[in-house]
Amino acid sequence: MLPFLSPCAVDTQAHDERTSMVNAALRNTTLLRLTAVGAASALLLGLTPAAAQAAVTETTVELPLAAAADVVAGAAGVYVSGGRTSTQIVVTNPAGGNHRIVDDLPGPTDLELSPDGSVLYAALPAANEIAAIDTTTLQETARYFTGVGACPSSLAVIEQTLWFGYGCDQWGGNIGRIDVSDPAPTAAVRQSPVDFWSHPKLSVGRNDPGRLFAAQPSLSPSAVQIFTVAADGTLTAAGRTEHTVVGGNLRDMAAAPDGATFYTASGAPYEILQFESHELTVARRRFATGPYPNAVEVSHDGTQIAAAADGSGLFVFRPTSAQPTKLTLTGSSGVIDRGIAWAPSGAQLYAVTRNTPNAVLHVYTASIAAKRLA
């Protein structure tokens, strides 16, 4: 195995100058639009008529990124990666303002926060590395080399173990792990007893350290594999969805906090599918979105689900909702794949959209009376 790489040195003065220039430009270009969801939509969200007048506000903020690859949110802020052709991660406060830049990263894509929110992990598939960034100082503190686990493209964290789905080409996909508590951490690869066509999309229930979910994107039909996680990190295959039930061209997957259910977003069917982890032959519930579902995310407490469809917009619903409720998506050409995130409190929802010339962050905030979007 190849060893842990050294921490990154930062030119503070240059970083501050770049940050000042970016913030100055953003003050001139940031779009702030507040839109109230109508009373009928608010009633669908389960709100009383008193709360329905201004239940949800939408704020749109232009980001200094020509494109975006992923978004995650913690108590301290929101993090948006620029993708394989970028070198940056943009950081905002929970309201979408006070922009800062983490720079000098070779193509940051998938992002994941540590359980306590103190560390941001960024996949760097073009470099076969994963960066660790302190969320208080925004300084890179470690760079993990994944060795023969090439093209690490999807991340998940269980306690002190950083899991990564890797694979650059056909049938080269598998799962690796890094014990980040080790003084000299190294990447252990080929941890899955089954191979994947390409890098698997990983997810975990934040309150369920004993299970790891791995979905195969892009194939038709797609599938989700569930593994049990032993105390020593050994993965054991515990179940796989039936051949066609997930649909085709899977683009996102998210587990509920307790790991008892998970949700899939695939190019077809035009629905978010809910599965129970013990019953993988049929979807438990279906939530219609229209074409083409490409993102799904479960709130930290498991009571709200957000989803996007490439041709249809942004939706919120509860695990037992009869149908999703559509949110306003101002001035957008579509949410990016996997481009939504919940604030830990569940009172804010974030979505990143493709726009010209730059990506846009949409911030949805529930009123005090409503306390949640769905």
Protein backbone atom coordinates (compact mmCIF):
# COMPACT_ATOMS: atom_id res chain seq x y z
CA MET A 1 0.00 0.00 0.00
CA LEU A 2 1.18 3.55 -0.62
CA PRO A 3 1.49 5.90 2.35
CA PHE A 4 -0.34 8.96 3.50
CA LEU A 5 0.85 12.11 1.77
CA SER A 6 2.08 15.21 3.48
CA PRO A 7 -0.10 18.17 4.49
CA CYS A 8 -0.50 20.98 2.06
CA ALA A 9 1.27 24.33 2.46
CA VAL A 10 -0.77 27.44 1.71
CA ASP A 11 0.33 30.85 0.54
CA THR A 12 -1.84 32.89 2.91
CA GLN A 13 -1.27 36.26 1.34
CA ALA A 14 -2.08 35.04 -2.17
CA HIS A 15 -5.11 33.18 -0.85
CA ASP A 16 -6.40 36.33 0.89
CA GLU A 17 -5.92 38.41 -2.25
CA ARG A 18 -7.78 35.88 -4.38
CA THR A 19 -10.57 35.69 -1.81
CA SER A 20 -10.95 39.49 -1.73
CA MET A 21 -11.16 39.63 -5.52
CA VAL A 22 -13.73 36.86 -5.63
CA ASN A 23 -15.85 38.48 -2.92
CA ALA A 24 -15.74 41.84 -4.69
CA ALA A 25 -16.92 40.24 -7.91
CA LEU A 26 -19.62 38.35 -6.10
CA ARG A 27 -20.97 41.53 -4.48
CA ASN A 28 -21.61 42.79 -8.00
CA THR A 29 -23.04 39.56 -9.41
CA THR A 30 -24.82 37.78 -6.56
CA LEU A 31 -28.51 37.43 -7.23
CA LEU A 32 -30.80 37.60 -4.22
CA ARG A 33 -34.33 36.63 -4.97
CA LEU A 34 -36.86 35.88 -2.27
CA THR A 35 -39.99 34.12 -3.44
CA ALA A 36 -42.86 32.94 -1.28
CA VAL A 37 -44.43 29.59 -1.99
CA GLY A 38 -48.13 30.04 -2.64
CA ALA A 39 -50.73 29.08 -0.09
CA ALA A 40 -51.80 25.99 -2.01
CA SER A 41 -48.24 24.67 -2.19
CA ALA A 42 -47.68 25.43 1.47
CA LEU A 43 -50.80 23.50 2.40
CA LEU A 44 -49.39 20.55 0.48
CA LEU A 45 -46.34 20.85 2.70
CA GLY A 46 -48.59 20.24 5.68
CA LEU A 47 -48.61 23.82 6.98
CA THR A 48 -51.47 25.68 8.60
CA PRO A 49 -53.07 28.62 6.72
CA ALA A 50 -51.26 31.06 9.05
CA ALA A 51 -47.90 29.59 8.08
CA ALA A 52 -48.84 29.29 4.42
CA GLN A 53 -48.41 32.99 3.65
CA ALA A 54 -44.60 32.82 3.50
CA ALA A 55 -43.70 29.26 4.40
CA VAL A 56 -40.59 28.90 2.25
CA THR A 57 -38.20 31.48 0.80
CA GLU A 58 -35.78 30.90 -2.04
CA THR A 59 -32.49 32.79 -2.33
CA THR A 60 -30.33 32.38 -5.44
CA VAL A 61 -26.61 33.10 -5.36
CA GLU A 62 -24.29 33.02 -8.35
CA LEU A 63 -21.12 31.08 -7.58
CA PRO A 64 -17.62 31.75 -8.97
CA LEU A 65 -17.67 28.34 -10.68
CA ALA A 66 -18.35 27.67 -14.35
CA ALA A 67 -19.66 24.24 -13.36
CA ALA A 68 -20.25 22.29 -10.18
CA ALA A 69 -19.98 18.63 -9.20
CA ASP A 70 -21.36 18.24 -5.65
CA VAL A 71 -22.74 20.08 -2.63
CA VAL A 72 -22.77 19.23 1.08
CA ALA A 73 -23.88 21.27 4.07
CA GLY A 74 -22.86 21.39 7.72
CA ALA A 75 -23.67 23.63 10.66
CA ALA A 76 -20.89 26.03 9.67
CA GLY A 77 -21.69 26.37 5.98
CA VAL A 78 -22.20 24.99 2.49
CA TYR A 79 -19.50 23.47 0.29
CA VAL A 80 -19.68 23.25 -3.52
CA SER A 81 -17.00 21.52 -5.61
CA GLY A 82 -16.04 22.68 -9.08
CA GLY A 83 -15.53 19.28 -10.73
CA ARG A 84 -12.77 17.65 -12.74
CA THR A 85 -11.86 20.75 -14.75
CA SER A 86 -11.72 23.00 -11.67
CA THR A 87 -9.25 23.49 -8.84
CA GLN A 88 -11.69 24.98 -6.33
CA ILE A 89 -14.31 24.36 -3.68
CA VAL A 90 -16.54 27.34 -2.85
CA VAL A 91 -17.61 27.71 0.78
CA THR A 92 -20.56 29.85 1.90
CA ASN A 93 -22.25 30.52 5.20
CA PRO A 94 -25.63 28.81 5.81
CA ALA A 95 -27.43 31.70 4.10
CA GLY A 96 -25.31 31.42 0.96
CA GLY A 97 -23.13 34.48 1.63
CA ASN A 98 -19.58 35.27 2.83
CA HIS A 99 -17.95 33.29 0.05
CA ARG A 100 -14.51 31.77 0.56
CA ILE A 101 -12.39 29.60 -1.72
CA VAL A 102 -10.40 26.43 -1.14
CA ASP A 103 -8.00 26.36 -4.07
CA ASP A 104 -5.19 24.33 -5.62
CA LEU A 105 -7.13 21.05 -5.71
CA PRO A 106 -6.78 18.87 -8.84
CA GLY A 107 -10.39 18.38 -9.95
CA PRO A 108 -12.50 18.13 -6.75
CA THR A 109 -15.72 16.15 -7.29
CA ASP A 110 -17.57 14.20 -4.57
CA LEU A 111 -17.66 15.79 -1.10
CA GLU A 112 -18.38 14.35 2.34
CA LEU A 113 -18.25 15.73 5.88
CA SER A 114 -16.96 13.92 8.94
CA PRO A 115 -19.68 13.01 11.47
CA ASP A 116 -18.85 16.03 13.64
CA GLY A 117 -18.57 18.37 10.64
CA SER A 118 -14.98 19.35 11.43
CA VAL A 119 -13.42 17.82 8.30
CA LEU A 120 -14.47 18.10 4.66
CA TYR A 121 -13.29 15.27 2.42
CA ALA A 122 -12.98 15.89 -1.32
CA ALA A 123 -12.49 13.19 -3.94
CA LEU A 124 -9.78 14.02 -6.49
CA PRO A 125 -10.25 11.24 -9.05
CA ALA A 126 -7.85 12.65 -11.64
CA ALA A 127 -5.03 12.52 -9.06
CA ASN A 128 -6.02 9.25 -7.34
CA GLU A 129 -6.25 11.17 -4.07
CA ILE A 130 -8.68 12.35 -1.42
CA ALA A 131 -8.13 15.69 0.33
CA ALA A 132 -9.02 16.43 3.97
CA ILE A 133 -9.86 20.07 4.75
CA ASP A 134 -10.39 21.65 8.17
CA THR A 135 -13.83 23.32 8.02
CA THR A 136 -12.84 26.03 10.52
CA THR A 137 -9.59 27.20 8.92
CA LEU A 138 -10.33 25.89 5.39
CA GLN A 139 -6.74 24.65 5.28
CA GLU A 140 -5.95 21.29 3.74
CA THR A 141 -4.66 19.05 6.53
CA ALA A 142 -4.04 15.78 4.71
CA ARG A 143 -3.94 14.20 1.27
CA TYR A 144 -4.63 10.46 1.03
CA PHE A 145 -3.26 8.53 -1.94
CA THR A 146 -5.59 5.73 -3.03
CA GLY A 147 -2.94 3.79 -4.94
CA VAL A 148 -4.35 1.08 -7.19
CA GLY A 149 -7.82 2.19 -6.06
CA ALA A 150 -7.71 4.57 -9.03
CA CYS A 151 -10.22 7.34 -9.72
CA PRO A 152 -11.81 7.60 -6.23
CA SER A 153 -15.14 9.17 -7.11
CA SER A 154 -17.64 8.58 -4.30
CA LEU A 155 -17.16 9.02 -0.54
CA ALA A 156 -18.90 7.90 2.64
CA VAL A 157 -17.82 8.18 6.27
CA ILE A 158 -18.58 5.75 9.10
CA GLU A 159 -17.08 7.01 12.36
CA GLN A 160 -13.29 7.15 11.71
CA THR A 161 -13.38 5.19 8.47
CA LEU A 162 -13.42 6.97 5.13
CA TRP A 163 -14.91 4.70 2.45
CA PHE A 164 -14.43 5.44 -1.24
CA GLY A 165 -15.90 3.99 -4.41
CA TYR A 166 -13.27 3.82 -7.13
CA GLY A 167 -12.89 2.75 -10.76
CA CYS A 168 -11.83 4.43 -13.99
CA ASP A 169 -13.10 2.04 -16.62
CA GLN A 170 -15.39 -0.92 -17.31
CA TRP A 171 -15.46 -3.58 -14.57
CA GLY A 172 -12.67 -1.87 -12.68
CA GLY A 173 -14.89 -0.64 -9.86
CA ASN A 174 -14.60 -1.59 -6.21
CA ILE A 175 -14.57 -0.09 -2.70
CA GLY A 176 -11.64 1.09 -0.58
CA ARG A 177 -11.27 2.39 2.95
CA ILE A 178 -8.92 4.56 4.99
CA ASP A 179 -8.73 4.67 8.79
CA VAL A 180 -8.28 8.40 9.26
CA SER A 181 -7.48 7.95 12.98
CA ASP A 182 -4.30 6.06 12.11
CA PRO A 183 -1.16 8.22 12.54
CA ALA A 184 0.03 6.98 9.13
CA PRO A 185 -3.14 6.05 7.26
CA THR A 186 -3.01 4.03 4.07
CA ALA A 187 -5.69 3.01 1.63
CA ALA A 188 -6.97 -0.56 1.69
CA VAL A 189 -8.53 -1.45 -1.68
CA ARG A 190 -10.72 -4.25 -3.10
CA GLN A 191 -12.78 -4.34 0.09
CA SER A 192 -15.96 -5.40 -1.72
CA PRO A 193 -16.38 -9.11 -2.43
CA VAL A 194 -18.16 -8.15 -5.66
CA ASP A 195 -16.84 -5.97 -8.49
CA PHE A 196 -18.65 -3.03 -10.06
CA TRP A 197 -18.81 -1.88 -13.66
CA SER A 198 -17.31 1.48 -12.65
CA HIS A 199 -16.99 3.38 -9.38
CA PRO A 200 -19.96 2.60 -7.09
CA LYS A 201 -21.99 5.42 -5.57
CA LEU A 202 -21.74 5.00 -1.75
CA SER A 203 -24.14 5.99 1.02
CA VAL A 204 -24.50 5.26 4.74
CA GLY A 205 -27.19 5.85 7.33
CA ARG A 206 -25.62 8.38 9.68
CA ASN A 207 -26.99 6.48 12.70
CA ASP A 208 -26.30 3.02 11.28
CA PRO A 209 -22.56 2.24 11.32
CA GLY A 210 -23.13 -1.41 10.51
CA ARG A 211 -24.24 -1.01 6.88
CA LEU A 212 -22.78 0.39 3.68
CA PHE A 213 -24.89 0.95 0.55
CA ALA A 214 -23.27 0.83 -2.90
CA ALA A 215 -25.13 1.61 -6.12
CA GLN A 216 -23.90 1.08 -9.66
CA PRO A 217 -24.52 4.28 -11.67
CA SER A 218 -24.99 4.57 -15.41
CA LEU A 219 -25.90 0.97 -16.23
CA SER A 220 -29.32 -0.17 -17.43
CA PRO A 221 -30.63 -1.84 -15.40
CA SER A 222 -28.85 -0.52 -12.30
CA ALA A 223 -28.67 -2.14 -8.87
CA VAL A 224 -27.98 -1.37 -5.20
CA GLN A 225 -25.81 -3.67 -3.11
CA ILE A 226 -25.98 -3.66 0.71
CA PHE A 227 -22.99 -4.71 2.81
CA THR A 228 -22.69 -5.32 6.53
CA VAL A 229 -19.63 -3.69 8.10
CA ALA A 230 -17.76 -5.70 10.75
CA ALA A 231 -15.85 -4.09 13.62
CA ASP A 232 -12.59 -4.60 11.72
CA GLY A 233 -14.08 -3.04 8.56
CA THR A 234 -14.70 -6.28 6.69
CA LEU A 235 -17.56 -5.99 4.20
CA THR A 236 -20.00 -8.86 3.76
CA ALA A 237 -22.61 -8.84 0.99
CA ALA A 238 -26.03 -8.76 2.67
CA GLY A 239 -28.37 -8.25 -0.27
CA ARG A 240 -28.84 -6.84 -3.75
CA THR A 241 -31.85 -5.34 -5.45
CA GLU A 242 -33.60 -7.52 -8.00
CA HIS A 243 -32.41 -7.21 -11.58
CA THR A 244 -34.77 -4.51 -12.89
CA VAL A 245 -36.49 -2.92 -9.87
CA VAL A 246 -34.16 0.11 -9.56
CA GLY A 247 -34.55 1.05 -13.21
CA GLY A 248 -31.87 2.25 -15.60
CA ASN A 249 -29.10 4.84 -15.57
CA LEU A 250 -29.02 5.36 -11.80
CA ARG A 251 -27.76 8.84 -10.96
CA ASP A 252 -28.09 9.07 -7.19
CA MET A 253 -28.91 7.04 -4.08
CA ALA A 254 -29.35 8.00 -0.41
CA ALA A 255 -29.86 5.97 2.75
CA ALA A 256 -32.14 7.05 5.60
CA PRO A 257 -30.35 7.80 8.91
CA ASP A 258 -31.31 4.47 10.45
CA GLY A 259 -30.41 2.51 7.32
CA ALA A 260 -33.82 0.83 7.28
CA THR A 261 -34.78 2.46 3.98
CA PHE A 262 -32.99 3.99 1.01
CA TYR A 263 -34.00 6.03 -2.04
CA THR A 264 -32.87 5.88 -5.66
CA ALA A 265 -32.98 8.40 -8.51
CA SER A 266 -32.58 6.91 -11.97
CA GLY A 267 -33.06 8.19 -15.50
CA ALA A 268 -36.05 5.84 -15.63
CA PRO A 269 -38.57 5.35 -14.13
CA TYR A 270 -39.58 8.99 -13.69
CA GLU A 271 -39.94 8.47 -9.96
CA ILE A 272 -37.91 8.44 -6.76
CA LEU A 273 -38.08 4.88 -5.45
CA GLN A 274 -38.11 4.03 -1.74
CA PHE A 275 -36.82 0.59 -0.74
CA GLU A 276 -36.80 -1.18 2.60
CA SER A 277 -33.36 -2.63 3.28
CA HIS A 278 -34.78 -6.03 4.19
CA GLU A 279 -36.97 -6.23 1.06
CA LEU A 280 -35.04 -5.71 -2.16
CA THR A 281 -37.38 -7.33 -4.66
CA VAL A 282 -39.83 -4.43 -4.97
CA ALA A 283 -39.97 -0.70 -4.19
CA ARG A 284 -41.96 0.14 -1.05
CA ARG A 285 -43.14 3.53 -2.35
CA ARG A 286 -42.83 5.63 -5.51
CA PHE A 287 -42.76 9.43 -5.71
CA ALA A 288 -43.44 10.81 -9.18
CA THR A 289 -41.15 13.62 -10.37
CA GLY A 290 -41.30 13.51 -14.16
CA PRO A 291 -38.19 13.06 -16.32
CA TYR A 292 -35.31 12.54 -15.42
CA PRO A 293 -34.59 11.96 -11.69
CA ASN A 294 -30.96 12.81 -10.95
CA ALA A 295 -30.64 13.67 -7.24
CA VAL A 296 -32.08 12.55 -3.90
CA GLU A 297 -31.13 13.45 -0.33
CA VAL A 298 -32.59 12.56 3.08
CA SER A 299 -32.60 15.09 5.93
CA HIS A 300 -30.49 14.32 9.01
CA ASP A 301 -33.54 13.31 11.06
CA GLY A 302 -35.04 11.24 8.24
CA THR A 303 -38.35 13.14 8.14
CA GLN A 304 -37.79 14.99 4.83
CA ILE A 305 -36.58 13.93 1.41
CA ALA A 306 -35.54 16.26 -1.38
CA ALA A 307 -35.22 15.17 -4.99
CA ALA A 308 -34.49 16.69 -8.37
CA ALA A 309 -35.35 15.64 -11.90
CA ASP A 310 -33.25 16.94 -14.76
CA GLY A 311 -36.24 17.88 -16.88
CA SER A 312 -38.79 18.59 -14.18
CA GLY A 313 -37.43 20.58 -11.22
CA LEU A 314 -36.96 20.27 -7.46
CA PHE A 315 -39.26 18.44 -5.04
CA VAL A 316 -39.69 17.77 -1.31
CA PHE A 317 -41.71 15.08 0.40
CA ARG A 318 -42.00 13.01 3.56
CA PRO A 319 -41.30 9.25 3.66
CA THR A 320 -45.05 8.53 3.60
CA SER A 321 -46.23 11.42 1.37
CA ALA A 322 -48.87 10.72 -1.26
CA GLN A 323 -46.95 12.85 -3.75
CA PRO A 324 -43.96 15.22 -3.81
CA THR A 325 -44.40 18.98 -3.65
CA LYS A 326 -42.60 21.01 -6.31
CA LEU A 327 -40.50 24.01 -5.23
CA THR A 328 -39.76 27.10 -7.29
CA LEU A 329 -36.40 26.86 -9.07
CA THR A 330 -35.77 30.43 -10.18
CA GLY A 331 -33.89 31.09 -13.42
CA SER A 332 -32.48 27.59 -13.66
CA SER A 333 -31.59 25.19 -16.42
CA GLY A 334 -31.63 22.18 -14.08
CA VAL A 335 -30.16 20.79 -10.86
CA ILE A 336 -26.81 19.07 -11.32
CA ASP A 337 -26.55 15.33 -10.67
CA ARG A 338 -26.47 14.72 -6.88
CA GLY A 339 -26.75 18.49 -6.48
CA ILE A 340 -28.89 18.85 -3.32
CA ALA A 341 -28.10 18.92 0.41
CA TRP A 342 -29.95 19.46 3.69
CA ALA A 343 -28.71 21.63 6.55
CA PRO A 344 -28.29 19.52 9.71
CA SER A 345 -31.36 21.22 11.25
CA GLY A 346 -33.57 20.42 8.26
CA ALA A 347 -34.67 24.06 8.08
CA GLN A 348 -32.60 24.82 4.96
CA LEU A 349 -32.34 22.97 1.68
CA TYR A 350 -29.61 23.68 -0.87
CA ALA A 351 -29.66 22.97 -4.60
CA VAL A 352 -27.00 23.74 -7.21
CA THR A 353 -28.05 24.37 -10.79
CA ARG A 354 -26.38 24.65 -14.17
CA ASN A 355 -26.55 28.22 -15.39
CA THR A 356 -24.69 30.51 -17.78
CA PRO A 357 -22.05 31.71 -17.16
CA ASN A 358 -21.78 30.26 -13.63
CA ALA A 359 -23.38 27.67 -11.38
CA VAL A 360 -26.05 28.97 -8.99
CA LEU A 361 -26.74 27.98 -5.37
CA HIS A 362 -30.43 27.99 -4.37
CA VAL A 363 -31.13 28.29 -0.64
CA TYR A 364 -34.61 27.35 0.62
CA THR A 365 -35.48 28.34 4.16
CA ALA A 366 -38.55 27.27 6.11
CA SER A 367 -40.28 29.85 8.28
CA ILE A 368 -40.10 29.62 12.07
CA ALA A 369 -43.72 28.49 12.12
CA ALA A 370 -43.12 25.74 9.59
CA LYS A 371 -39.71 24.55 10.87
CA ARG A 372 -39.31 22.23 7.91
CA LEU A 373 -39.90 22.23 4.16
CA ALA A 374 -41.88 19.01 3.92
